[in-house]
């Protein structure tokens, strides 16, 4: 059997599992502003935090280049 470093080979982890492990192990939170599990005030808080840290998202009307 060949040994692979963590993240290489083997089975691919579910994206939700990656997010959960990131939170538990690193304190990193990855959440979509459109996550249906959140209430409207929670989604709005996520949007506001994202804009504060990274700036506004391009609107759907704007063309994406690159």
PDB file of N, CA and C in Angstrom:
ATOM      1  N   UNK A   1       0.845  -1.183   0.000  1.00  0.00           N
ATOM      2  CA  UNK A   1       0.000   0.000   0.000  1.00  0.00           C
ATOM      3  C   UNK A   1       0.891   1.248   0.000  1.00  0.00           C
ATOM      4  N   UNK A   2       0.542   2.190  -0.811  1.00  0.00           N
ATOM      5  CA  UNK A   2       1.309   3.425  -0.919  1.00  0.00           C
ATOM      6  C   UNK A   2       0.768   4.466   0.050  1.00  0.00           C
ATOM      7  N   UNK A   3       1.665   5.185   0.707  1.00  0.00           N
ATOM      8  CA  UNK A   3       1.278   6.206   1.678  1.00  0.00           C
ATOM      9  C   UNK A   3       1.193   7.564   0.989  1.00  0.00           C
ATOM     10  N   UNK A   4       0.119   8.283   1.269  1.00  0.00           N
ATOM     11  CA  UNK A   4      -0.068   9.626   0.725  1.00  0.00           C
ATOM     12  C   UNK A   4      -0.201  10.602   1.876  1.00  0.00           C
ATOM     13  N   UNK A   5       0.387  11.814   1.759  1.00  0.00           N
ATOM     14  CA  UNK A   5       0.165  12.838   2.791  1.00  0.00           C
ATOM     15  C   UNK A   5      -1.308  13.196   2.879  1.00  0.00           C
ATOM     16  N   UNK A   6      -1.731  13.721   4.024  1.00  0.00           N
ATOM     17  CA  UNK A   6      -3.126  14.103   4.221  1.00  0.00           C
ATOM     18  C   UNK A   6      -3.560  15.055   3.104  1.00  0.00           C
ATOM     19  N   UNK A   7      -4.695  14.754   2.511  1.00  0.00           N
ATOM     20  CA  UNK A   7      -5.220  15.584   1.432  1.00  0.00           C
ATOM     21  C   UNK A   7      -4.863  15.081   0.049  1.00  0.00           C
ATOM     22  N   UNK A   8      -3.974  14.080  -0.041  1.00  0.00           N
ATOM     23  CA  UNK A   8      -3.577  13.531  -1.333  1.00  0.00           C
ATOM     24  C   UNK A   8      -4.031  12.082  -1.411  1.00  0.00           C
ATOM     25  N   UNK A   9      -4.631  11.726  -2.524  1.00  0.00           N
ATOM     26  CA  UNK A   9      -5.062  10.352  -2.700  1.00  0.00           C
ATOM     27  C   UNK A   9      -6.223  10.012  -1.784  1.00  0.00           C
ATOM     28  N   UNK A  10      -6.613   8.782  -1.804  1.00  0.00           N
ATOM     29  CA  UNK A  10      -7.699   8.366  -0.927  1.00  0.00           C
ATOM     30  C   UNK A  10      -9.023   8.980  -1.330  1.00  0.00           C
ATOM     31  N   UNK A  11      -9.911   9.111  -0.359  1.00  0.00           N
ATOM     32  CA  UNK A  11     -11.231   9.664  -0.637  1.00  0.00           C
ATOM     33  C   UNK A  11     -11.247  11.166  -0.422  1.00  0.00           C
ATOM     34  N   UNK A  12     -12.008  11.818  -1.254  1.00  0.00           N
ATOM     35  CA  UNK A  12     -12.168  13.267  -1.152  1.00  0.00           C
ATOM     36  C   UNK A  12     -13.131  13.591  -0.018  1.00  0.00           C
ATOM     37  N   UNK A  13     -12.786  14.592   0.793  1.00  0.00           N
ATOM     38  CA  UNK A  13     -13.656  14.971   1.902  1.00  0.00           C
ATOM     39  C   UNK A  13     -14.800  15.842   1.409  1.00  0.00           C
ATOM     40  N   UNK A  14     -15.942  15.682   2.057  1.00  0.00           N
ATOM     41  CA  UNK A  14     -17.119  16.484   1.780  1.00  0.00           C
ATOM     42  C   UNK A  14     -16.821  17.945   2.142  1.00  0.00           C
ATOM     43  N   UNK A  15     -17.234  18.924   1.310  1.00  0.00           N
ATOM     44  CA  UNK A  15     -16.967  20.328   1.624  1.00  0.00           C
ATOM     45  C   UNK A  15     -17.463  20.750   3.014  1.00  0.00           C
ATOM     46  N   UNK A  16     -18.600  20.238   3.439  1.00  0.00           N
ATOM     47  CA  UNK A  16     -19.104  20.578   4.778  1.00  0.00           C
ATOM     48  C   UNK A  16     -18.171  20.044   5.860  1.00  0.00           C
ATOM     49  N   UNK A  17     -17.581  18.874   5.611  1.00  0.00           N
ATOM     50  CA  UNK A  17     -16.632  18.312   6.573  1.00  0.00           C
ATOM     51  C   UNK A  17     -15.384  19.188   6.652  1.00  0.00           C
ATOM     52  N   UNK A  18     -14.914  19.680   5.515  1.00  0.00           N
ATOM     53  CA  UNK A  18     -13.749  20.562   5.484  1.00  0.00           C
ATOM     54  C   UNK A  18     -14.035  21.829   6.288  1.00  0.00           C
ATOM     55  N   UNK A  19     -15.220  22.404   6.096  1.00  0.00           N
ATOM     56  CA  UNK A  19     -15.600  23.620   6.830  1.00  0.00           C
ATOM     57  C   UNK A  19     -15.675  23.349   8.326  1.00  0.00           C
ATOM     58  N   UNK A  20     -16.291  22.223   8.692  1.00  0.00           N
ATOM     59  CA  UNK A  20     -16.443  21.856  10.104  1.00  0.00           C
ATOM     60  C   UNK A  20     -15.073  21.660  10.755  1.00  0.00           C
ATOM     61  N   UNK A  21     -14.180  20.937  10.070  1.00  0.00           N
ATOM     62  CA  UNK A  21     -12.839  20.702  10.609  1.00  0.00           C
ATOM     63  C   UNK A  21     -12.040  22.004  10.690  1.00  0.00           C
ATOM     64  N   UNK A  22     -12.228  22.872   9.698  1.00  0.00           N
ATOM     65  CA  UNK A  22     -11.544  24.170   9.731  1.00  0.00           C
ATOM     66  C   UNK A  22     -11.947  24.978  10.949  1.00  0.00           C
ATOM     67  N   UNK A  23     -13.216  24.935  11.287  1.00  0.00           N
ATOM     68  CA  UNK A  23     -13.711  25.653  12.461  1.00  0.00           C
ATOM     69  C   UNK A  23     -13.163  25.029  13.743  1.00  0.00           C
ATOM     70  N   UNK A  24     -13.266  23.714  13.850  1.00  0.00           N
ATOM     71  CA  UNK A  24     -12.844  23.029  15.075  1.00  0.00           C
ATOM     72  C   UNK A  24     -11.336  23.089  15.285  1.00  0.00           C
ATOM     73  N   UNK A  25     -10.558  22.947  14.216  1.00  0.00           N
ATOM     74  CA  UNK A  25      -9.113  22.848  14.346  1.00  0.00           C
ATOM     75  C   UNK A  25      -8.395  24.184  14.241  1.00  0.00           C
ATOM     76  N   UNK A  26      -8.924  25.111  13.436  1.00  0.00           N
ATOM     77  CA  UNK A  26      -8.215  26.354  13.155  1.00  0.00           C
ATOM     78  C   UNK A  26      -8.960  27.610  13.603  1.00  0.00           C
ATOM     79  N   UNK A  27     -10.235  27.460  13.946  1.00  0.00           N
ATOM     80  CA  UNK A  27     -11.031  28.632  14.285  1.00  0.00           C
ATOM     81  C   UNK A  27     -11.396  29.454  13.066  1.00  0.00           C
ATOM     82  N   UNK A  28     -11.374  28.825  11.886  1.00  0.00           N
ATOM     83  CA  UNK A  28     -11.696  29.496  10.629  1.00  0.00           C
ATOM     84  C   UNK A  28     -13.132  29.156  10.260  1.00  0.00           C
ATOM     85  N   UNK A  29     -13.916  30.178   9.960  1.00  0.00           N
ATOM     86  CA  UNK A  29     -15.314  29.980   9.603  1.00  0.00           C
ATOM     87  C   UNK A  29     -15.510  30.279   8.126  1.00  0.00           C
ATOM     88  N   UNK A  30     -16.017  29.292   7.393  1.00  0.00           N
ATOM     89  CA  UNK A  30     -16.341  29.466   5.974  1.00  0.00           C
ATOM     90  C   UNK A  30     -17.846  29.282   5.845  1.00  0.00           C
ATOM     91  N   UNK A  31     -18.535  30.366   5.521  1.00  0.00           N
ATOM     92  CA  UNK A  31     -19.991  30.303   5.437  1.00  0.00           C
ATOM     93  C   UNK A  31     -20.461  31.123   4.248  1.00  0.00           C
ATOM     94  N   UNK A  32     -21.445  30.608   3.545  1.00  0.00           N
ATOM     95  CA  UNK A  32     -22.025  31.324   2.416  1.00  0.00           C
ATOM     96  C   UNK A  32     -23.039  32.339   2.923  1.00  0.00           C
ATOM     97  N   UNK A  33     -23.033  33.518   2.342  1.00  0.00           N
ATOM     98  CA  UNK A  33     -24.015  34.534   2.701  1.00  0.00           C
ATOM     99  C   UNK A  33     -25.421  34.105   2.291  1.00  0.00           C
ATOM    100  N   UNK A  34     -25.523  33.063   1.489  1.00  0.00           N
ATOM    101  CA  UNK A  34     -26.816  32.566   1.027  1.00  0.00           C
ATOM    102  C   UNK A  34     -27.193  31.233   1.678  1.00  0.00           C
ATOM    103  N   UNK A  35     -26.510  30.847   2.734  1.00  0.00           N
ATOM    104  CA  UNK A  35     -26.769  29.558   3.393  1.00  0.00           C
ATOM    105  C   UNK A  35     -28.187  29.543   3.956  1.00  0.00           C
ATOM    106  N   UNK A  36     -28.991  28.631   3.475  1.00  0.00           N
ATOM    107  CA  UNK A  36     -30.392  28.547   3.874  1.00  0.00           C
ATOM    108  C   UNK A  36     -30.605  28.136   5.320  1.00  0.00           C
ATOM    109  N   UNK A  37     -29.565  27.660   5.986  1.00  0.00           N
ATOM    110  CA  UNK A  37     -29.707  27.276   7.392  1.00  0.00           C
ATOM    111  C   UNK A  37     -29.686  28.492   8.318  1.00  0.00           C
ATOM    112  N   UNK A  38     -29.288  29.640   7.758  1.00  0.00           N
ATOM    113  CA  UNK A  38     -29.204  30.864   8.555  1.00  0.00           C
ATOM    114  C   UNK A  38     -30.484  31.675   8.417  1.00  0.00           C
ATOM    115  N   UNK A  39     -30.799  32.417   9.473  1.00  0.00           N
ATOM    116  CA  UNK A  39     -31.928  33.343   9.408  1.00  0.00           C
ATOM    117  C   UNK A  39     -31.495  34.579   8.631  1.00  0.00           C
ATOM    118  N   UNK A  40     -32.446  35.417   8.262  1.00  0.00           N
ATOM    119  CA  UNK A  40     -32.092  36.627   7.521  1.00  0.00           C
ATOM    120  C   UNK A  40     -31.101  37.494   8.298  1.00  0.00           C
ATOM    121  N   UNK A  41     -31.308  37.765   9.606  1.00  0.00           N
ATOM    122  CA  UNK A  41     -30.322  38.594  10.315  1.00  0.00           C
ATOM    123  C   UNK A  41     -28.923  37.961  10.341  1.00  0.00           C
ATOM    124  N   UNK A  42     -28.856  36.641  10.409  1.00  0.00           N
ATOM    125  CA  UNK A  42     -27.553  35.969  10.399  1.00  0.00           C
ATOM    126  C   UNK A  42     -26.879  36.107   9.037  1.00  0.00           C
ATOM    127  N   UNK A  43     -27.652  35.939   7.956  1.00  0.00           N
ATOM    128  CA  UNK A  43     -27.087  36.113   6.608  1.00  0.00           C
ATOM    129  C   UNK A  43     -26.628  37.547   6.402  1.00  0.00           C
ATOM    130  N   UNK A  44     -27.396  38.495   6.919  1.00  0.00           N
ATOM    131  CA  UNK A  44     -27.022  39.908   6.793  1.00  0.00           C
ATOM    132  C   UNK A  44     -25.730  40.188   7.558  1.00  0.00           C
ATOM    133  N   UNK A  45     -25.568  39.600   8.720  1.00  0.00           N
ATOM    134  CA  UNK A  45     -24.335  39.759   9.494  1.00  0.00           C
ATOM    135  C   UNK A  45     -23.146  39.197   8.722  1.00  0.00           C
ATOM    136  N   UNK A  46     -23.315  38.034   8.114  1.00  0.00           N
ATOM    137  CA  UNK A  46     -22.250  37.432   7.308  1.00  0.00           C
ATOM    138  C   UNK A  46     -21.886  38.365   6.154  1.00  0.00           C
ATOM    139  N   UNK A  47     -22.900  38.904   5.478  1.00  0.00           N
ATOM    140  CA  UNK A  47     -22.643  39.831   4.365  1.00  0.00           C
ATOM    141  C   UNK A  47     -21.873  41.050   4.831  1.00  0.00           C
ATOM    142  N   UNK A  48     -22.295  41.635   5.962  1.00  0.00           N
ATOM    143  CA  UNK A  48     -21.637  42.824   6.485  1.00  0.00           C
ATOM    144  C   UNK A  48     -20.191  42.535   6.894  1.00  0.00           C
ATOM    145  N   UNK A  49     -19.961  41.388   7.514  1.00  0.00           N
ATOM    146  CA  UNK A  49     -18.593  41.014   7.889  1.00  0.00           C
ATOM    147  C   UNK A  49     -17.726  40.835   6.644  1.00  0.00           C
ATOM    148  N   UNK A  50     -18.272  40.160   5.636  1.00  0.00           N
ATOM    149  CA  UNK A  50     -17.525  39.965   4.394  1.00  0.00           C
ATOM    150  C   UNK A  50     -17.158  41.284   3.742  1.00  0.00           C
ATOM    151  N   UNK A  51     -18.105  42.210   3.702  1.00  0.00           N
ATOM    152  CA  UNK A  51     -17.827  43.517   3.099  1.00  0.00           C
ATOM    153  C   UNK A  51     -16.819  44.306   3.914  1.00  0.00           C
ATOM    154  N   UNK A  52     -16.894  44.218   5.225  1.00  0.00           N
ATOM    155  CA  UNK A  52     -15.945  44.936   6.078  1.00  0.00           C
ATOM    156  C   UNK A  52     -14.524  44.408   5.883  1.00  0.00           C
ATOM    157  N   UNK A  53     -14.400  43.081   5.805  1.00  0.00           N
ATOM    158  CA  UNK A  53     -13.072  42.473   5.708  1.00  0.00           C
ATOM    159  C   UNK A  53     -12.509  42.468   4.296  1.00  0.00           C
ATOM    160  N   UNK A  54     -13.385  42.270   3.285  1.00  0.00           N
ATOM    161  CA  UNK A  54     -12.900  42.039   1.924  1.00  0.00           C
ATOM    162  C   UNK A  54     -13.466  42.971   0.872  1.00  0.00           C
ATOM    163  N   UNK A  55     -14.370  43.873   1.276  1.00  0.00           N
ATOM    164  CA  UNK A  55     -14.975  44.785   0.310  1.00  0.00           C
ATOM    165  C   UNK A  55     -16.243  44.192  -0.279  1.00  0.00           C
ATOM    166  N   UNK A  56     -17.009  45.013  -0.972  1.00  0.00           N
ATOM    167  CA  UNK A  56     -18.290  44.541  -1.525  1.00  0.00           C
ATOM    168  C   UNK A  56     -18.084  43.516  -2.634  1.00  0.00           C
ATOM    169  N   UNK A  57     -19.065  42.631  -2.752  1.00  0.00           N
ATOM    170  CA  UNK A  57     -19.065  41.654  -3.840  1.00  0.00           C
ATOM    171  C   UNK A  57     -19.545  42.342  -5.108  1.00  0.00           C
ATOM    172  N   UNK A  58     -19.054  41.903  -6.259  1.00  0.00           N
ATOM    173  CA  UNK A  58     -19.577  42.478  -7.495  1.00  0.00           C
ATOM    174  C   UNK A  58     -21.049  42.116  -7.650  1.00  0.00           C
ATOM    175  N   UNK A  59     -21.830  43.043  -8.162  1.00  0.00           N
ATOM    176  CA  UNK A  59     -23.248  42.753  -8.350  1.00  0.00           C
ATOM    177  C   UNK A  59     -23.427  41.775  -9.504  1.00  0.00           C
ATOM    178  N   UNK A  60     -24.553  41.128  -9.533  1.00  0.00           N
ATOM    179  CA  UNK A  60     -24.838  40.147 -10.584  1.00  0.00           C
ATOM    180  C   UNK A  60     -24.880  40.795 -11.961  1.00  0.00           C
ATOM    181  N   UNK A  61     -25.152  42.094 -11.998  1.00  0.00           N
ATOM    182  CA  UNK A  61     -25.258  42.803 -13.286  1.00  0.00           C
ATOM    183  C   UNK A  61     -23.889  43.072 -13.901  1.00  0.00           C
ATOM    184  N   UNK A  62     -22.842  43.149 -13.076  1.00  0.00           N
ATOM    185  CA  UNK A  62     -21.520  43.443 -13.579  1.00  0.00           C
ATOM    186  C   UNK A  62     -20.923  42.206 -14.235  1.00  0.00           C
ATOM    187  N   UNK A  63     -20.188  42.427 -15.304  1.00  0.00           N
ATOM    188  CA  UNK A  63     -19.521  41.329 -15.983  1.00  0.00           C
ATOM    189  C   UNK A  63     -18.278  40.941 -15.188  1.00  0.00           C
ATOM    190  N   UNK A  64     -18.023  39.641 -15.127  1.00  0.00           N
ATOM    191  CA  UNK A  64     -16.818  39.162 -14.433  1.00  0.00           C
ATOM    192  C   UNK A  64     -15.747  38.913 -15.481  1.00  0.00           C
ATOM    193  N   UNK A  65     -14.560  39.409 -15.231  1.00  0.00           N
ATOM    194  CA  UNK A  65     -13.446  39.225 -16.141  1.00  0.00           C
ATOM    195  C   UNK A  65     -12.350  38.453 -15.424  1.00  0.00           C
ATOM    196  N   UNK A  66     -11.871  37.409 -16.077  1.00  0.00           N
ATOM    197  CA  UNK A  66     -10.738  36.676 -15.520  1.00  0.00           C
ATOM    198  C   UNK A  66     -11.163  35.507 -14.835  1.00  0.00           C
TER     199      UNK A  66
END
